[in-house]
Amino acid sequence: MPLPTGFITHKGVRIYLIDIEGMEPDAVSKIVDKVAKEIRAEPKGSVRTLTHVKGAVVSTAMIERLRWLADGNKPHVKYAALAGLTPAQRVILNVVKQLTGRDFALFATRDEALEHLATLP
C-alpha cells in the first residue's frame, strides 16, 4: 500500500498530497509529524498541498493536530486545497481557518483539486 503522504506530480506540477481518506484519528495523528517535517523542509512559499479527507473520522485530538500542522506549514505553502469534506467537516475547517489565518480552496473530489492546483501560476 502506498504511503498516504508525499510529493506527487500532476501535469508536471509538484504537489504534496496528504491522503487521509477513510482514516481513523489515530492513523492521521501518526502521519502529521512526517508531513510537517517534509513540508517545512521546503523553501517558504513554494509548496502546493492537497489534503483529501473523504470519509476520514474526525476527533477533537485530530482537529488539534491538523490545526497545528496547518499553522506551522503556513510559511511554506503557496496554495492549499482540500477535497472530500462533509458539511460538518466544513464547519470545523472554518474554525481552523480562523485560528491559523490559512486559506484553502475546497473541492468535492481529489481529481478536481489536483486539476486546480496544476493550473495555478
C-alpha atoms as a PDB file:
ATOM      1  CA  MET A   1       0.000   0.000   0.000  1.00  0.00           C
ATOM      2  CA  PRO A   2       1.446   3.409  -0.940  1.00  0.00           C
ATOM      3  CA  LEU A   3       2.070   5.939   1.785  1.00  0.00           C
ATOM      4  CA  PRO A   4      -0.789   8.409   2.231  1.00  0.00           C
ATOM      5  CA  THR A   5       1.532  11.415   2.102  1.00  0.00           C
ATOM      6  CA  GLY A   6       4.296  12.785  -0.051  1.00  0.00           C
ATOM      7  CA  PHE A   7       5.084  14.698  -3.188  1.00  0.00           C
ATOM      8  CA  ILE A   8       3.390  13.675  -6.409  1.00  0.00           C
ATOM      9  CA  THR A   9       3.498  15.214  -9.873  1.00  0.00           C
ATOM     10  CA  HIS A  10       0.284  16.120 -11.667  1.00  0.00           C
ATOM     11  CA  LYS A  11       0.540  17.585 -15.167  1.00  0.00           C
ATOM     12  CA  GLY A  12       4.158  18.478 -14.487  1.00  0.00           C
ATOM     13  CA  VAL A  13       3.359  20.274 -11.218  1.00  0.00           C
ATOM     14  CA  ARG A  14       4.760  19.093  -7.878  1.00  0.00           C
ATOM     15  CA  ILE A  15       2.023  18.756  -5.231  1.00  0.00           C
ATOM     16  CA  TYR A  16       2.260  17.480  -1.669  1.00  0.00           C
ATOM     17  CA  LEU A  17      -0.588  15.007  -1.172  1.00  0.00           C
ATOM     18  CA  ILE A  18      -1.994  14.276   2.278  1.00  0.00           C
ATOM     19  CA  ASP A  19      -4.487  11.498   1.595  1.00  0.00           C
ATOM     20  CA  ILE A  20      -6.318  10.607   4.787  1.00  0.00           C
ATOM     21  CA  GLU A  21      -9.347   9.152   3.038  1.00  0.00           C
ATOM     22  CA  GLY A  22     -11.221   6.828   5.392  1.00  0.00           C
ATOM     23  CA  MET A  23      -8.592   7.055   8.130  1.00  0.00           C
ATOM     24  CA  GLU A  24      -9.253   6.888  11.840  1.00  0.00           C
ATOM     25  CA  PRO A  25      -7.909   9.720  14.056  1.00  0.00           C
ATOM     26  CA  ASP A  26      -5.031   7.636  15.454  1.00  0.00           C
ATOM     27  CA  ALA A  27      -3.752   6.866  11.955  1.00  0.00           C
ATOM     28  CA  VAL A  28      -3.945  10.538  10.970  1.00  0.00           C
ATOM     29  CA  SER A  29      -2.070  11.613  14.106  1.00  0.00           C
ATOM     30  CA  LYS A  30       0.747   9.199  13.250  1.00  0.00           C
ATOM     31  CA  ILE A  31       1.462  10.874   9.882  1.00  0.00           C
ATOM     32  CA  VAL A  32       1.236  14.520  10.993  1.00  0.00           C
ATOM     33  CA  ASP A  33       4.872  14.760  12.161  1.00  0.00           C
ATOM     34  CA  LYS A  34       6.130  13.269   8.873  1.00  0.00           C
ATOM     35  CA  VAL A  35       4.041  15.735   6.876  1.00  0.00           C
ATOM     36  CA  ALA A  36       5.251  18.679   8.967  1.00  0.00           C
ATOM     37  CA  LYS A  37       8.903  17.674   8.595  1.00  0.00           C
ATOM     38  CA  GLU A  38       8.668  17.244   4.824  1.00  0.00           C
ATOM     39  CA  ILE A  39       6.715  20.418   4.082  1.00  0.00           C
ATOM     40  CA  ARG A  40       8.759  22.578   6.464  1.00  0.00           C
ATOM     41  CA  ALA A  41      11.966  21.386   4.776  1.00  0.00           C
ATOM     42  CA  GLU A  42      10.831  23.100   1.563  1.00  0.00           C
ATOM     43  CA  PRO A  43      11.501  26.761   0.713  1.00  0.00           C
ATOM     44  CA  LYS A  44       8.991  29.266   2.044  1.00  0.00           C
ATOM     45  CA  GLY A  45       6.061  29.926  -0.252  1.00  0.00           C
ATOM     46  CA  SER A  46       6.850  27.013  -2.552  1.00  0.00           C
ATOM     47  CA  VAL A  47       4.557  24.089  -1.695  1.00  0.00           C
ATOM     48  CA  ARG A  48       1.164  23.236  -3.177  1.00  0.00           C
ATOM     49  CA  THR A  49      -0.783  20.932  -0.869  1.00  0.00           C
ATOM     50  CA  LEU A  50      -3.821  18.762  -1.355  1.00  0.00           C
ATOM     51  CA  THR A  51      -5.468  17.242   1.690  1.00  0.00           C
ATOM     52  CA  HIS A  52      -8.006  14.574   0.745  1.00  0.00           C
ATOM     53  CA  VAL A  53     -10.297  13.835   3.694  1.00  0.00           C
ATOM     54  CA  LYS A  54     -13.178  11.858   2.209  1.00  0.00           C
ATOM     55  CA  GLY A  55     -14.575   9.502   4.838  1.00  0.00           C
ATOM     56  CA  ALA A  56     -11.977  10.393   7.472  1.00  0.00           C
ATOM     57  CA  VAL A  57     -13.223  10.018  11.031  1.00  0.00           C
ATOM     58  CA  VAL A  58     -12.819  13.258  12.985  1.00  0.00           C
ATOM     59  CA  SER A  59     -11.921  13.640  16.649  1.00  0.00           C
ATOM     60  CA  THR A  60     -11.065  16.641  18.805  1.00  0.00           C
ATOM     61  CA  ALA A  61      -7.443  15.497  19.140  1.00  0.00           C
ATOM     62  CA  MET A  62      -7.146  15.042  15.372  1.00  0.00           C
ATOM     63  CA  ILE A  63      -8.529  18.529  14.733  1.00  0.00           C
ATOM     64  CA  GLU A  64      -5.954  19.979  17.110  1.00  0.00           C
ATOM     65  CA  ARG A  65      -3.111  18.096  15.369  1.00  0.00           C
ATOM     66  CA  LEU A  66      -4.284  19.269  11.939  1.00  0.00           C
ATOM     67  CA  ARG A  67      -4.588  22.837  13.210  1.00  0.00           C
ATOM     68  CA  TRP A  68      -1.002  22.620  14.479  1.00  0.00           C
ATOM     69  CA  LEU A  69       0.074  21.254  11.103  1.00  0.00           C
ATOM     70  CA  ALA A  70      -1.734  23.960   9.117  1.00  0.00           C
ATOM     71  CA  ASP A  71      -0.396  26.731  11.334  1.00  0.00           C
ATOM     72  CA  GLY A  72       3.219  25.582  11.200  1.00  0.00           C
ATOM     73  CA  ASN A  73       3.154  24.855   7.478  1.00  0.00           C
ATOM     74  CA  LYS A  74       1.734  28.264   6.597  1.00  0.00           C
ATOM     75  CA  PRO A  75       5.052  29.941   5.657  1.00  0.00           C
ATOM     76  CA  HIS A  76       5.954  27.114   3.268  1.00  0.00           C
ATOM     77  CA  VAL A  77       2.623  26.688   1.474  1.00  0.00           C
ATOM     78  CA  LYS A  78       1.875  28.678  -1.656  1.00  0.00           C
ATOM     79  CA  TYR A  79      -1.501  27.063  -2.416  1.00  0.00           C
ATOM     80  CA  ALA A  80      -3.637  24.684  -0.374  1.00  0.00           C
ATOM     81  CA  ALA A  81      -6.651  22.650  -1.437  1.00  0.00           C
ATOM     82  CA  LEU A  82      -8.970  20.330   0.452  1.00  0.00           C
ATOM     83  CA  ALA A  83     -11.154  17.665  -1.108  1.00  0.00           C
ATOM     84  CA  GLY A  84     -13.936  15.420   0.136  1.00  0.00           C
ATOM     85  CA  LEU A  85     -15.183  17.455   3.093  1.00  0.00           C
ATOM     86  CA  THR A  86     -18.572  16.714   4.603  1.00  0.00           C
ATOM     87  CA  PRO A  87     -20.757  19.640   5.718  1.00  0.00           C
ATOM     88  CA  ALA A  88     -19.676  19.030   9.343  1.00  0.00           C
ATOM     89  CA  GLN A  89     -16.001  19.000   8.336  1.00  0.00           C
ATOM     90  CA  ARG A  90     -16.528  22.336   6.542  1.00  0.00           C
ATOM     91  CA  VAL A  91     -17.667  23.845   9.843  1.00  0.00           C
ATOM     92  CA  ILE A  92     -14.520  22.533  11.542  1.00  0.00           C
ATOM     93  CA  LEU A  93     -12.414  23.886   8.682  1.00  0.00           C
ATOM     94  CA  ASN A  94     -13.818  27.368   9.230  1.00  0.00           C
ATOM     95  CA  VAL A  95     -12.573  27.243  12.821  1.00  0.00           C
ATOM     96  CA  VAL A  96      -9.132  26.057  11.677  1.00  0.00           C
ATOM     97  CA  LYS A  97      -9.022  28.852   9.091  1.00  0.00           C
ATOM     98  CA  GLN A  98      -9.815  31.443  11.749  1.00  0.00           C
ATOM     99  CA  LEU A  99      -7.205  30.098  14.163  1.00  0.00           C
ATOM    100  CA  THR A 100      -4.410  29.757  11.590  1.00  0.00           C
ATOM    101  CA  GLY A 101      -5.149  32.524   9.101  1.00  0.00           C
ATOM    102  CA  ARG A 102      -4.861  29.946   6.329  1.00  0.00           C
ATOM    103  CA  ASP A 103      -6.980  29.836   3.205  1.00  0.00           C
ATOM    104  CA  PHE A 104      -7.936  26.585   1.485  1.00  0.00           C
ATOM    105  CA  ALA A 105      -9.629  26.056  -1.870  1.00  0.00           C
ATOM    106  CA  LEU A 106     -12.404  23.470  -1.414  1.00  0.00           C
ATOM    107  CA  PHE A 107     -13.315  20.736  -3.893  1.00  0.00           C
ATOM    108  CA  ALA A 108     -15.692  17.799  -3.957  1.00  0.00           C
ATOM    109  CA  THR A 109     -13.095  15.380  -5.344  1.00  0.00           C
ATOM    110  CA  ARG A 110      -9.367  14.776  -5.256  1.00  0.00           C
ATOM    111  CA  ASP A 111      -9.188  14.996  -9.061  1.00  0.00           C
ATOM    112  CA  GLU A 112     -10.860  18.423  -9.110  1.00  0.00           C
ATOM    113  CA  ALA A 113      -8.379  19.707  -6.523  1.00  0.00           C
ATOM    114  CA  LEU A 114      -5.395  18.316  -8.452  1.00  0.00           C
ATOM    115  CA  GLU A 115      -6.594  19.990 -11.643  1.00  0.00           C
ATOM    116  CA  HIS A 116      -6.980  23.304  -9.807  1.00  0.00           C
ATOM    117  CA  LEU A 117      -3.538  23.164  -8.207  1.00  0.00           C
ATOM    118  CA  ALA A 118      -1.919  22.266 -11.530  1.00  0.00           C
ATOM    119  CA  THR A 119      -3.347  25.349 -13.253  1.00  0.00           C
ATOM    120  CA  LEU A 120      -2.161  27.945 -10.732  1.00  0.00           C
ATOM    121  CA  PRO A 121       0.932  30.045 -11.525  1.00  0.00           C
END
